[in-house]
Amino acid sequence: MTVTRAALAAAMLALLAPLALAQAPWPDKPVKLVAVFPPGGSVDQVARIVGQQLSVQIGQPVVVENKGGASGSIGVAQVALAPPDGYTFAVVFDTHGVNPSLIPNLPFDTLKDLASVTLIGTSPMAIVAHVSQPYKDFADVIAAAKAKPGSVAYGTIGAGSLGHLAMAQVGNQVQAGFTHVPYKGGGPLMNDAIGNQVPLAIGSVFLVQPHVKAGRVKALGVTSTKETPQFPGVKPFAEQGVPGFAALSWWGVIAPAKTPKPIIDRMHAEIAKALQNAGVKEKLSAQGMDIVGGGPAELDAFLRGEIERWAKVVKENNIKVGD
């Protein structure tokens, strides 16, 4: 009987272990929030704005760690391999929905090795030029690329980024040749755009707006279906010779797969609350983000749609890493 009782007790402990983890006080130590791009870009800014408010709400430090490279996949790989204990999360960007079709042999399965937490928000992208460049709008850019294919260079946050795919799709649609200049994140991209080292840059409104407001670069077009309040008078691509075109940047929070659902749900609730904080809301909205705050199911469905959509663009345009 003693053996039987011991075996029964062991079995019960095994069954209750995951529940005990989920019900344990969380968090009781600092939480890591990996920003999957280098400092200075929109992912870094979003992580720090949201992370600061989260620290206040959960009573523990939220430590932002930048882990850039390979269009965000290096940072995501770190999270996929982290213990699923609720102490490692990541802020990802739109590249998260592109990488599965663009980067061969990713060291993780985007849908199986990671858990969706929150869809933070979306934003149009804008193409900008140094103020000394002759372009008045995006229609001028298209005309120049048509007149001399390959002569018009544009920078993005990286090979395979949404800006890269968007411009490839534009070039294909209007039969114009552009030259892609990939950077390792939004900070390096905008540094060179401001210095006129690259004549054009395409990135989220969140990324480029401060530099437009400062008069360092000028906005030529946006990738939404209508004008964005941040750039009054700047027309969408769809109204500048690219009919029907639209592409949105987005930010989300993910965790390692098998992170206990109660922790995922709590983290989502805390992020959603943070996004409604007046200061956070003002900072994000002022820089062009449409705040969503969607939960795990919403981010998962959105991500699956993005993966499917951009896989077609990658295939149709024969885009490879390093293009």
C-alpha atoms as a PDB file:
ATOM      1  CA  MET A   1       0.000   0.000   0.000  1.00  0.00           C
ATOM      2  CA  THR A   2       2.875   2.337   0.807  1.00  0.00           C
ATOM      3  CA  VAL A   3       4.291   1.934  -2.701  1.00  0.00           C
ATOM      4  CA  THR A   4       0.887   2.470  -4.238  1.00  0.00           C
ATOM      5  CA  ARG A   5       0.309   5.646  -2.245  1.00  0.00           C
ATOM      6  CA  ALA A   6       3.764   6.954  -3.131  1.00  0.00           C
ATOM      7  CA  ALA A   7       3.180   6.264  -6.808  1.00  0.00           C
ATOM      8  CA  LEU A   8      -0.215   7.938  -6.629  1.00  0.00           C
ATOM      9  CA  ALA A   9       1.279  10.970  -4.907  1.00  0.00           C
ATOM     10  CA  ALA A  10       4.011  11.227  -7.539  1.00  0.00           C
ATOM     11  CA  ALA A  11       1.445  11.010 -10.329  1.00  0.00           C
ATOM     12  CA  MET A  12      -0.673  13.718  -8.752  1.00  0.00           C
ATOM     13  CA  LEU A  13       2.346  15.990  -8.360  1.00  0.00           C
ATOM     14  CA  ALA A  14       3.217  15.509 -12.020  1.00  0.00           C
ATOM     15  CA  LEU A  15      -0.305  16.421 -13.044  1.00  0.00           C
ATOM     16  CA  LEU A  16      -0.425  19.453 -10.792  1.00  0.00           C
ATOM     17  CA  ALA A  17       3.034  20.839 -11.674  1.00  0.00           C
ATOM     18  CA  PRO A  18       1.929  22.874 -14.719  1.00  0.00           C
ATOM     19  CA  LEU A  19      -1.044  24.210 -12.771  1.00  0.00           C
ATOM     20  CA  ALA A  20       1.190  25.158  -9.869  1.00  0.00           C
ATOM     21  CA  LEU A  21       3.484  27.052 -12.244  1.00  0.00           C
ATOM     22  CA  ALA A  22       0.539  28.868 -13.757  1.00  0.00           C
ATOM     23  CA  GLN A  23      -0.879  29.755 -10.319  1.00  0.00           C
ATOM     24  CA  ALA A  24       2.433  30.831  -8.791  1.00  0.00           C
ATOM     25  CA  PRO A  25       2.728  34.577  -8.159  1.00  0.00           C
ATOM     26  CA  TRP A  26       3.796  36.173 -11.426  1.00  0.00           C
ATOM     27  CA  PRO A  27       6.009  37.975 -11.825  1.00  0.00           C
ATOM     28  CA  ASP A  28       8.302  37.640  -8.839  1.00  0.00           C
ATOM     29  CA  LYS A  29      11.453  38.767 -10.685  1.00  0.00           C
ATOM     30  CA  PRO A  30      12.385  41.016 -13.657  1.00  0.00           C
ATOM     31  CA  VAL A  31      10.778  40.258 -17.021  1.00  0.00           C
ATOM     32  CA  LYS A  32      12.883  40.347 -20.185  1.00  0.00           C
ATOM     33  CA  LEU A  33      11.390  42.031 -23.251  1.00  0.00           C
ATOM     34  CA  VAL A  34      13.538  41.337 -26.320  1.00  0.00           C
ATOM     35  CA  ALA A  35      13.442  44.042 -29.010  1.00  0.00           C
ATOM     36  CA  VAL A  36      14.313  42.107 -32.157  1.00  0.00           C
ATOM     37  CA  PHE A  37      15.910  45.091 -33.924  1.00  0.00           C
ATOM     38  CA  PRO A  38      18.793  47.391 -32.885  1.00  0.00           C
ATOM     39  CA  PRO A  39      18.376  50.563 -30.797  1.00  0.00           C
ATOM     40  CA  GLY A  40      16.860  53.597 -32.484  1.00  0.00           C
ATOM     41  CA  GLY A  41      14.207  51.909 -34.603  1.00  0.00           C
ATOM     42  CA  SER A  42      10.485  51.597 -34.028  1.00  0.00           C
ATOM     43  CA  VAL A  43      10.683  48.144 -32.389  1.00  0.00           C
ATOM     44  CA  ASP A  44      13.105  49.502 -29.804  1.00  0.00           C
ATOM     45  CA  GLN A  45      10.923  52.552 -29.191  1.00  0.00           C
ATOM     46  CA  VAL A  46       7.722  50.539 -28.830  1.00  0.00           C
ATOM     47  CA  ALA A  47       9.402  48.079 -26.459  1.00  0.00           C
ATOM     48  CA  ARG A  48      10.700  50.871 -24.234  1.00  0.00           C
ATOM     49  CA  ILE A  49       7.478  52.902 -24.203  1.00  0.00           C
ATOM     50  CA  VAL A  50       5.322  49.881 -23.376  1.00  0.00           C
ATOM     51  CA  GLY A  51       7.935  48.242 -21.146  1.00  0.00           C
ATOM     52  CA  GLN A  52       8.265  51.295 -18.920  1.00  0.00           C
ATOM     53  CA  GLN A  53       4.533  51.321 -18.196  1.00  0.00           C
ATOM     54  CA  LEU A  54       4.460  47.549 -17.719  1.00  0.00           C
ATOM     55  CA  SER A  55       7.132  47.871 -15.028  1.00  0.00           C
ATOM     56  CA  VAL A  56       4.836  50.187 -13.089  1.00  0.00           C
ATOM     57  CA  GLN A  57       1.835  47.892 -13.460  1.00  0.00           C
ATOM     58  CA  ILE A  58       3.413  44.532 -12.620  1.00  0.00           C
ATOM     59  CA  GLY A  59       5.727  45.775  -9.900  1.00  0.00           C
ATOM     60  CA  GLN A  60       8.859  44.293 -11.461  1.00  0.00           C
ATOM     61  CA  PRO A  61      11.464  45.738 -13.838  1.00  0.00           C
ATOM     62  CA  VAL A  62      10.822  45.066 -17.528  1.00  0.00           C
ATOM     63  CA  VAL A  63      14.271  44.862 -19.033  1.00  0.00           C
ATOM     64  CA  VAL A  64      14.449  45.668 -22.752  1.00  0.00           C
ATOM     65  CA  GLU A  65      17.217  43.762 -24.514  1.00  0.00           C
ATOM     66  CA  ASN A  66      18.044  44.574 -28.139  1.00  0.00           C
ATOM     67  CA  LYS A  67      18.836  41.499 -30.199  1.00  0.00           C
ATOM     68  CA  GLY A  68      18.905  42.565 -33.850  1.00  0.00           C
ATOM     69  CA  GLY A  69      19.929  40.835 -37.044  1.00  0.00           C
ATOM     70  CA  ALA A  70      18.498  38.757 -39.885  1.00  0.00           C
ATOM     71  CA  SER A  71      15.280  40.792 -40.107  1.00  0.00           C
ATOM     72  CA  GLY A  72      14.444  40.130 -36.481  1.00  0.00           C
ATOM     73  CA  SER A  73      14.843  36.357 -36.660  1.00  0.00           C
ATOM     74  CA  ILE A  74      17.924  36.236 -34.397  1.00  0.00           C
ATOM     75  CA  GLY A  75      16.021  37.822 -31.532  1.00  0.00           C
ATOM     76  CA  VAL A  76      12.998  35.625 -32.181  1.00  0.00           C
ATOM     77  CA  ALA A  77      15.205  32.517 -32.123  1.00  0.00           C
ATOM     78  CA  GLN A  78      16.461  33.551 -28.685  1.00  0.00           C
ATOM     79  CA  VAL A  79      12.893  33.743 -27.430  1.00  0.00           C
ATOM     80  CA  ALA A  80      11.893  30.437 -29.033  1.00  0.00           C
ATOM     81  CA  LEU A  81      14.696  28.734 -27.078  1.00  0.00           C
ATOM     82  CA  ALA A  82      14.007  30.496 -23.780  1.00  0.00           C
ATOM     83  CA  PRO A  83      12.331  28.676 -20.887  1.00  0.00           C
ATOM     84  CA  PRO A  84       8.527  29.014 -21.140  1.00  0.00           C
ATOM     85  CA  ASP A  85       8.294  30.398 -17.609  1.00  0.00           C
ATOM     86  CA  GLY A  86       6.763  33.797 -18.325  1.00  0.00           C
ATOM     87  CA  TYR A  87       9.975  35.777 -17.962  1.00  0.00           C
ATOM     88  CA  THR A  88      10.954  36.147 -21.625  1.00  0.00           C
ATOM     89  CA  PHE A  89       8.841  37.933 -24.238  1.00  0.00           C
ATOM     90  CA  ALA A  90       9.664  39.809 -27.440  1.00  0.00           C
ATOM     91  CA  VAL A  91       8.375  42.753 -29.409  1.00  0.00           C
ATOM     92  CA  VAL A  92       8.319  41.717 -33.063  1.00  0.00           C
ATOM     93  CA  PHE A  93       7.741  43.691 -36.228  1.00  0.00           C
ATOM     94  CA  ASP A  94       6.095  43.023 -39.571  1.00  0.00           C
ATOM     95  CA  THR A  95       9.169  41.044 -40.671  1.00  0.00           C
ATOM     96  CA  HIS A  96       7.939  38.295 -38.339  1.00  0.00           C
ATOM     97  CA  GLY A  97       5.242  37.506 -40.906  1.00  0.00           C
ATOM     98  CA  VAL A  98       7.692  37.581 -43.823  1.00  0.00           C
ATOM     99  CA  ASN A  99      10.662  35.602 -42.539  1.00  0.00           C
ATOM    100  CA  PRO A 100       9.047  32.139 -42.817  1.00  0.00           C
ATOM    101  CA  SER A 101       8.885  32.459 -46.609  1.00  0.00           C
ATOM    102  CA  LEU A 102      12.088  34.442 -47.059  1.00  0.00           C
ATOM    103  CA  ILE A 103      14.728  32.948 -44.793  1.00  0.00           C
ATOM    104  CA  PRO A 104      15.607  29.305 -45.489  1.00  0.00           C
ATOM    105  CA  ASN A 105      16.021  26.979 -42.529  1.00  0.00           C
ATOM    106  CA  LEU A 106      14.841  29.297 -39.776  1.00  0.00           C
ATOM    107  CA  PRO A 107      15.954  27.789 -36.457  1.00  0.00           C
ATOM    108  CA  PHE A 108      12.372  27.845 -35.217  1.00  0.00           C
ATOM    109  CA  ASP A 109       8.841  27.290 -36.472  1.00  0.00           C
ATOM    110  CA  THR A 110       7.060  30.650 -36.348  1.00  0.00           C
ATOM    111  CA  LEU A 111       3.659  29.130 -35.583  1.00  0.00           C
ATOM    112  CA  LYS A 112       4.668  26.131 -33.463  1.00  0.00           C
ATOM    113  CA  ASP A 113       7.614  27.324 -31.368  1.00  0.00           C
ATOM    114  CA  LEU A 114       6.175  30.676 -30.320  1.00  0.00           C
ATOM    115  CA  ALA A 115       2.996  31.858 -28.630  1.00  0.00           C
ATOM    116  CA  SER A 116       1.074  34.977 -29.641  1.00  0.00           C
ATOM    117  CA  VAL A 117       0.402  37.446 -26.830  1.00  0.00           C
ATOM    118  CA  THR A 118      -0.739  40.837 -28.151  1.00  0.00           C
ATOM    119  CA  LEU A 119      -1.143  42.706 -31.431  1.00  0.00           C
ATOM    120  CA  ILE A 120       0.027  46.113 -30.242  1.00  0.00           C
ATOM    121  CA  GLY A 121      -0.878  48.156 -33.307  1.00  0.00           C
ATOM    122  CA  THR A 122      -0.420  48.924 -36.984  1.00  0.00           C
ATOM    123  CA  SER A 123       0.891  51.843 -39.013  1.00  0.00           C
ATOM    124  CA  PRO A 124       1.292  52.868 -42.621  1.00  0.00           C
ATOM    125  CA  MET A 125       4.769  53.090 -44.018  1.00  0.00           C
ATOM    126  CA  ALA A 126       6.049  56.242 -45.654  1.00  0.00           C
ATOM    127  CA  ILE A 127       8.745  56.750 -48.230  1.00  0.00           C
ATOM    128  CA  VAL A 128      10.919  59.761 -47.473  1.00  0.00           C
ATOM    129  CA  ALA A 129      13.762  61.573 -49.199  1.00  0.00           C
ATOM    130  CA  HIS A 130      16.506  63.868 -48.017  1.00  0.00           C
ATOM    131  CA  VAL A 131      15.322  67.457 -48.409  1.00  0.00           C
ATOM    132  CA  SER A 132      17.960  68.060 -51.096  1.00  0.00           C
ATOM    133  CA  GLN A 133      16.556  65.338 -53.357  1.00  0.00           C
ATOM    134  CA  PRO A 134      14.595  66.591 -56.396  1.00  0.00           C
ATOM    135  CA  TYR A 135      11.504  64.401 -55.884  1.00  0.00           C
ATOM    136  CA  LYS A 136       8.268  66.231 -55.060  1.00  0.00           C
ATOM    137  CA  ASP A 137       6.234  63.061 -54.510  1.00  0.00           C
ATOM    138  CA  PHE A 138       6.298  59.309 -55.077  1.00  0.00           C
ATOM    139  CA  ALA A 139       5.039  59.725 -58.627  1.00  0.00           C
ATOM    140  CA  ASP A 140       8.330  61.514 -59.370  1.00  0.00           C
ATOM    141  CA  VAL A 141      10.238  58.560 -57.904  1.00  0.00           C
ATOM    142  CA  ILE A 142       8.367  56.120 -60.137  1.00  0.00           C
ATOM    143  CA  ALA A 143       8.983  58.283 -63.192  1.00  0.00           C
ATOM    144  CA  ALA A 144      12.731  58.419 -62.460  1.00  0.00           C
ATOM    145  CA  ALA A 145      12.906  54.652 -61.978  1.00  0.00           C
ATOM    146  CA  LYS A 146      11.062  54.045 -65.231  1.00  0.00           C
ATOM    147  CA  ALA A 147      13.282  56.475 -67.142  1.00  0.00           C
ATOM    148  CA  LYS A 148      16.496  54.859 -65.914  1.00  0.00           C
ATOM    149  CA  PRO A 149      15.981  51.422 -64.307  1.00  0.00           C
ATOM    150  CA  GLY A 150      18.255  50.779 -61.350  1.00  0.00           C
ATOM    151  CA  SER A 151      19.203  54.422 -60.900  1.00  0.00           C
ATOM    152  CA  VAL A 152      16.828  55.031 -57.983  1.00  0.00           C
ATOM    153  CA  ALA A 153      18.081  53.574 -54.686  1.00  0.00           C
ATOM    154  CA  TYR A 154      16.007  53.196 -51.546  1.00  0.00           C
ATOM    155  CA  GLY A 155      16.926  51.987 -48.071  1.00  0.00           C
ATOM    156  CA  THR A 156      14.958  49.735 -45.718  1.00  0.00           C
ATOM    157  CA  ILE A 157      15.421  48.311 -42.239  1.00  0.00           C
ATOM    158  CA  GLY A 158      16.683  45.072 -43.786  1.00  0.00           C
ATOM    159  CA  ALA A 159      16.499  42.507 -46.565  1.00  0.00           C
ATOM    160  CA  GLY A 160      13.056  40.952 -46.573  1.00  0.00           C
ATOM    161  CA  SER A 161      11.510  43.740 -44.509  1.00  0.00           C
ATOM    162  CA  LEU A 162       8.014  44.913 -45.326  1.00  0.00           C
ATOM    163  CA  GLY A 163       9.474  48.016 -46.972  1.00  0.00           C
ATOM    164  CA  HIS A 164      11.613  45.818 -49.209  1.00  0.00           C
ATOM    165  CA  LEU A 165       8.669  43.638 -50.220  1.00  0.00           C
ATOM    166  CA  ALA A 166       6.419  46.635 -50.722  1.00  0.00           C
ATOM    167  CA  MET A 167       8.871  48.328 -53.072  1.00  0.00           C
ATOM    168  CA  ALA A 168       9.473  45.087 -54.942  1.00  0.00           C
ATOM    169  CA  GLN A 169       5.740  44.751 -55.429  1.00  0.00           C
ATOM    170  CA  VAL A 170       5.496  48.377 -56.556  1.00  0.00           C
ATOM    171  CA  GLY A 171       8.319  47.904 -59.055  1.00  0.00           C
ATOM    172  CA  ASN A 172       6.666  44.811 -60.416  1.00  0.00           C
ATOM    173  CA  GLN A 173       3.262  46.462 -60.624  1.00  0.00           C
ATOM    174  CA  VAL A 174       4.399  49.648 -62.395  1.00  0.00           C
ATOM    175  CA  GLN A 175       7.289  48.007 -64.283  1.00  0.00           C
ATOM    176  CA  ALA A 176       9.977  50.197 -62.751  1.00  0.00           C
ATOM    177  CA  GLY A 177      13.399  49.105 -61.518  1.00  0.00           C
ATOM    178  CA  PHE A 178      14.592  50.190 -58.060  1.00  0.00           C
ATOM    179  CA  THR A 179      17.862  49.413 -56.266  1.00  0.00           C
ATOM    180  CA  HIS A 180      17.454  48.094 -52.721  1.00  0.00           C
ATOM    181  CA  VAL A 181      19.897  49.125 -49.957  1.00  0.00           C
ATOM    182  CA  PRO A 182      19.278  47.020 -46.812  1.00  0.00           C
ATOM    183  CA  TYR A 183      20.249  48.292 -43.352  1.00  0.00           C
ATOM    184  CA  LYS A 184      20.396  46.556 -39.995  1.00  0.00           C
ATOM    185  CA  GLY A 185      17.454  48.319 -38.401  1.00  0.00           C
ATOM    186  CA  GLY A 186      15.636  51.633 -38.417  1.00  0.00           C
ATOM    187  CA  GLY A 187      18.282  53.599 -36.528  1.00  0.00           C
ATOM    188  CA  PRO A 188      21.076  53.017 -39.066  1.00  0.00           C
ATOM    189  CA  LEU A 189      18.622  53.524 -41.940  1.00  0.00           C
ATOM    190  CA  MET A 190      17.450  56.924 -40.742  1.00  0.00           C
ATOM    191  CA  ASN A 191      20.977  58.045 -39.873  1.00  0.00           C
ATOM    192  CA  ASP A 192      21.965  57.577 -43.513  1.00  0.00           C
ATOM    193  CA  ALA A 193      18.724  59.077 -44.822  1.00  0.00           C
ATOM    194  CA  ILE A 194      19.291  62.190 -42.712  1.00  0.00           C
ATOM    195  CA  GLY A 195      22.884  62.364 -43.942  1.00  0.00           C
ATOM    196  CA  ASN A 196      21.790  61.891 -47.587  1.00  0.00           C
ATOM    197  CA  GLN A 197      23.896  58.731 -47.805  1.00  0.00           C
ATOM    198  CA  VAL A 198      20.843  56.981 -49.232  1.00  0.00           C
ATOM    199  CA  PRO A 199      18.465  59.123 -51.314  1.00  0.00           C
ATOM    200  CA  LEU A 200      15.227  57.411 -50.267  1.00  0.00           C
ATOM    201  CA  ALA A 201      14.099  55.444 -47.212  1.00  0.00           C
ATOM    202  CA  ILE A 202      10.889  53.535 -46.580  1.00  0.00           C
ATOM    203  CA  GLY A 203       9.794  52.725 -43.054  1.00  0.00           C
ATOM    204  CA  SER A 204       6.878  52.972 -40.674  1.00  0.00           C
ATOM    205  CA  VAL A 205       5.364  56.379 -39.993  1.00  0.00           C
ATOM    206  CA  PHE A 206       6.441  55.691 -36.409  1.00  0.00           C
ATOM    207  CA  LEU A 207      10.073  55.544 -37.556  1.00  0.00           C
ATOM    208  CA  VAL A 208      10.234  58.411 -40.041  1.00  0.00           C
ATOM    209  CA  GLN A 209       7.833  60.979 -38.587  1.00  0.00           C
ATOM    210  CA  PRO A 210      10.214  62.612 -36.073  1.00  0.00           C
ATOM    211  CA  HIS A 211      12.699  63.281 -38.861  1.00  0.00           C
ATOM    212  CA  VAL A 212      10.021  64.679 -41.170  1.00  0.00           C
ATOM    213  CA  LYS A 213       8.819  66.990 -38.400  1.00  0.00           C
ATOM    214  CA  ALA A 214      12.397  68.132 -37.823  1.00  0.00           C
ATOM    215  CA  GLY A 215      12.731  69.008 -41.511  1.00  0.00           C
ATOM    216  CA  ARG A 216      15.579  66.570 -42.144  1.00  0.00           C
ATOM    217  CA  VAL A 217      13.654  64.478 -44.678  1.00  0.00           C
ATOM    218  CA  LYS A 218      10.435  64.961 -46.644  1.00  0.00           C
ATOM    219  CA  ALA A 219       7.577  62.486 -46.982  1.00  0.00           C
ATOM    220  CA  LEU A 220       6.654  61.567 -50.578  1.00  0.00           C
ATOM    221  CA  GLY A 221       3.989  58.902 -50.175  1.00  0.00           C
ATOM    222  CA  VAL A 222       2.287  56.550 -47.695  1.00  0.00           C
ATOM    223  CA  THR A 223       1.296  52.897 -47.987  1.00  0.00           C
ATOM    224  CA  SER A 224      -2.161  53.192 -46.431  1.00  0.00           C
ATOM    225  CA  THR A 225      -5.349  53.393 -48.500  1.00  0.00           C
ATOM    226  CA  LYS A 226      -5.881  57.006 -47.429  1.00  0.00           C
ATOM    227  CA  GLU A 227      -3.837  59.932 -46.175  1.00  0.00           C
ATOM    228  CA  THR A 228      -2.463  59.680 -42.643  1.00  0.00           C
ATOM    229  CA  PRO A 229      -2.962  62.599 -40.214  1.00  0.00           C
ATOM    230  CA  GLN A 230       0.771  62.718 -39.504  1.00  0.00           C
ATOM    231  CA  PHE A 231       1.517  63.749 -43.096  1.00  0.00           C
ATOM    232  CA  PRO A 232      -1.342  65.916 -44.350  1.00  0.00           C
ATOM    233  CA  GLY A 233      -1.311  66.314 -48.110  1.00  0.00           C
ATOM    234  CA  VAL A 234       0.972  63.321 -48.686  1.00  0.00           C
ATOM    235  CA  LYS A 235      -0.885  60.947 -50.992  1.00  0.00           C
ATOM    236  CA  PRO A 236      -1.057  57.153 -50.747  1.00  0.00           C
ATOM    237  CA  PHE A 237       0.866  55.082 -53.277  1.00  0.00           C
ATOM    238  CA  ALA A 238      -2.527  54.021 -54.644  1.00  0.00           C
ATOM    239  CA  GLU A 239      -3.158  57.620 -55.736  1.00  0.00           C
ATOM    240  CA  GLN A 240       0.307  58.062 -57.228  1.00  0.00           C
ATOM    241  CA  GLY A 241       0.338  55.466 -59.959  1.00  0.00           C
ATOM    242  CA  VAL A 242       0.074  52.195 -57.981  1.00  0.00           C
ATOM    243  CA  PRO A 243      -3.655  51.368 -58.034  1.00  0.00           C
ATOM    244  CA  GLY A 244      -5.006  49.303 -55.154  1.00  0.00           C
ATOM    245  CA  PHE A 245      -1.703  49.201 -53.273  1.00  0.00           C
ATOM    246  CA  ALA A 246      -1.618  49.007 -49.452  1.00  0.00           C
ATOM    247  CA  ALA A 247       0.817  47.608 -46.850  1.00  0.00           C
ATOM    248  CA  LEU A 248       0.880  48.191 -43.095  1.00  0.00           C
ATOM    249  CA  SER A 249       3.659  47.874 -40.562  1.00  0.00           C
ATOM    250  CA  TRP A 250       2.701  46.166 -37.302  1.00  0.00           C
ATOM    251  CA  TRP A 251       4.066  45.362 -33.868  1.00  0.00           C
ATOM    252  CA  GLY A 252       3.247  42.434 -31.636  1.00  0.00           C
ATOM    253  CA  VAL A 253       4.381  40.631 -28.503  1.00  0.00           C
ATOM    254  CA  ILE A 254       5.236  36.937 -28.495  1.00  0.00           C
ATOM    255  CA  ALA A 255       6.479  34.378 -25.964  1.00  0.00           C
ATOM    256  CA  PRO A 256       8.034  30.916 -26.062  1.00  0.00           C
ATOM    257  CA  ALA A 257       5.564  28.172 -26.900  1.00  0.00           C
ATOM    258  CA  LYS A 258       4.214  26.319 -23.847  1.00  0.00           C
ATOM    259  CA  THR A 259       4.285  29.456 -21.720  1.00  0.00           C
ATOM    260  CA  PRO A 260       1.348  28.804 -19.342  1.00  0.00           C
ATOM    261  CA  LYS A 261      -1.890  30.244 -20.686  1.00  0.00           C
ATOM    262  CA  PRO A 262      -2.712  32.107 -17.455  1.00  0.00           C
ATOM    263  CA  ILE A 263       0.594  33.985 -17.802  1.00  0.00           C
ATOM    264  CA  ILE A 264      -0.020  34.693 -21.497  1.00  0.00           C
ATOM    265  CA  ASP A 265      -3.473  36.015 -20.644  1.00  0.00           C
ATOM    266  CA  ARG A 266      -2.155  38.117 -17.760  1.00  0.00           C
ATOM    267  CA  MET A 267       0.628  39.579 -19.905  1.00  0.00           C
ATOM    268  CA  HIS A 268      -1.868  40.436 -22.636  1.00  0.00           C
ATOM    269  CA  ALA A 269      -4.175  42.085 -20.101  1.00  0.00           C
ATOM    270  CA  GLU A 270      -1.291  44.152 -18.707  1.00  0.00           C
ATOM    271  CA  ILE A 271      -0.151  45.222 -22.189  1.00  0.00           C
ATOM    272  CA  ALA A 272      -3.709  46.130 -23.197  1.00  0.00           C
ATOM    273  CA  LYS A 273      -3.983  48.200 -20.018  1.00  0.00           C
ATOM    274  CA  ALA A 274      -0.630  49.868 -20.724  1.00  0.00           C
ATOM    275  CA  LEU A 275      -1.760  50.772 -24.245  1.00  0.00           C
ATOM    276  CA  GLN A 276      -4.701  52.674 -22.750  1.00  0.00           C
ATOM    277  CA  ASN A 277      -2.479  54.658 -20.412  1.00  0.00           C
ATOM    278  CA  ALA A 278      -2.744  58.299 -21.479  1.00  0.00           C
ATOM    279  CA  GLY A 279       1.003  58.821 -21.768  1.00  0.00           C
ATOM    280  CA  VAL A 280       1.639  55.598 -23.681  1.00  0.00           C
ATOM    281  CA  LYS A 281      -1.336  56.180 -25.938  1.00  0.00           C
ATOM    282  CA  GLU A 282      -0.218  59.712 -26.735  1.00  0.00           C
ATOM    283  CA  LYS A 283       3.360  58.666 -27.559  1.00  0.00           C
ATOM    284  CA  LEU A 284       2.345  55.799 -29.834  1.00  0.00           C
ATOM    285  CA  SER A 285      -0.577  57.549 -31.549  1.00  0.00           C
ATOM    286  CA  ALA A 286       1.426  60.727 -32.111  1.00  0.00           C
ATOM    287  CA  GLN A 287       3.947  58.722 -34.096  1.00  0.00           C
ATOM    288  CA  GLY A 288       1.414  57.175 -36.453  1.00  0.00           C
ATOM    289  CA  MET A 289       0.416  53.969 -34.699  1.00  0.00           C
ATOM    290  CA  ASP A 290      -3.183  52.814 -34.741  1.00  0.00           C
ATOM    291  CA  ILE A 291      -3.362  51.051 -31.375  1.00  0.00           C
ATOM    292  CA  VAL A 292      -5.075  47.654 -31.471  1.00  0.00           C
ATOM    293  CA  GLY A 293      -4.281  45.795 -28.248  1.00  0.00           C
ATOM    294  CA  GLY A 294      -5.652  42.538 -29.665  1.00  0.00           C
ATOM    295  CA  GLY A 295      -5.246  39.337 -27.694  1.00  0.00           C
ATOM    296  CA  PRO A 296      -3.516  36.034 -28.475  1.00  0.00           C
ATOM    297  CA  ALA A 297      -6.198  34.764 -30.845  1.00  0.00           C
ATOM    298  CA  GLU A 298      -6.299  38.041 -32.781  1.00  0.00           C
ATOM    299  CA  LEU A 299      -2.521  38.209 -33.182  1.00  0.00           C
ATOM    300  CA  ASP A 300      -2.384  34.549 -34.204  1.00  0.00           C
ATOM    301  CA  ALA A 301      -5.027  35.015 -36.927  1.00  0.00           C
ATOM    302  CA  PHE A 302      -3.403  38.253 -38.112  1.00  0.00           C
ATOM    303  CA  LEU A 303       0.040  36.633 -38.257  1.00  0.00           C
ATOM    304  CA  ARG A 304      -1.206  33.665 -40.265  1.00  0.00           C
ATOM    305  CA  GLY A 305      -2.780  36.070 -42.766  1.00  0.00           C
ATOM    306  CA  GLU A 306       0.447  38.049 -43.106  1.00  0.00           C
ATOM    307  CA  ILE A 307       2.515  34.902 -43.636  1.00  0.00           C
ATOM    308  CA  GLU A 308       0.180  33.772 -46.419  1.00  0.00           C
ATOM    309  CA  ARG A 309       0.011  37.180 -48.111  1.00  0.00           C
ATOM    310  CA  TRP A 310       3.721  37.944 -48.186  1.00  0.00           C
ATOM    311  CA  ALA A 311       4.719  34.416 -49.146  1.00  0.00           C
ATOM    312  CA  LYS A 312       2.954  35.072 -52.450  1.00  0.00           C
ATOM    313  CA  VAL A 313       4.838  38.357 -52.945  1.00  0.00           C
ATOM    314  CA  VAL A 314       8.189  36.715 -52.169  1.00  0.00           C
ATOM    315  CA  LYS A 315       7.483  33.962 -54.697  1.00  0.00           C
ATOM    316  CA  GLU A 316       6.086  36.239 -57.413  1.00  0.00           C
ATOM    317  CA  ASN A 317       9.036  38.617 -57.171  1.00  0.00           C
ATOM    318  CA  ASN A 318      11.641  35.876 -56.603  1.00  0.00           C
ATOM    319  CA  ILE A 319      13.001  37.700 -53.570  1.00  0.00           C
ATOM    320  CA  LYS A 320      15.979  36.121 -51.835  1.00  0.00           C
ATOM    321  CA  VAL A 321      17.839  37.000 -48.665  1.00  0.00           C
ATOM    322  CA  GLY A 322      20.538  39.507 -49.597  1.00  0.00           C
ATOM    323  CA  ASP A 323      18.554  41.067 -52.474  1.00  0.00           C
END
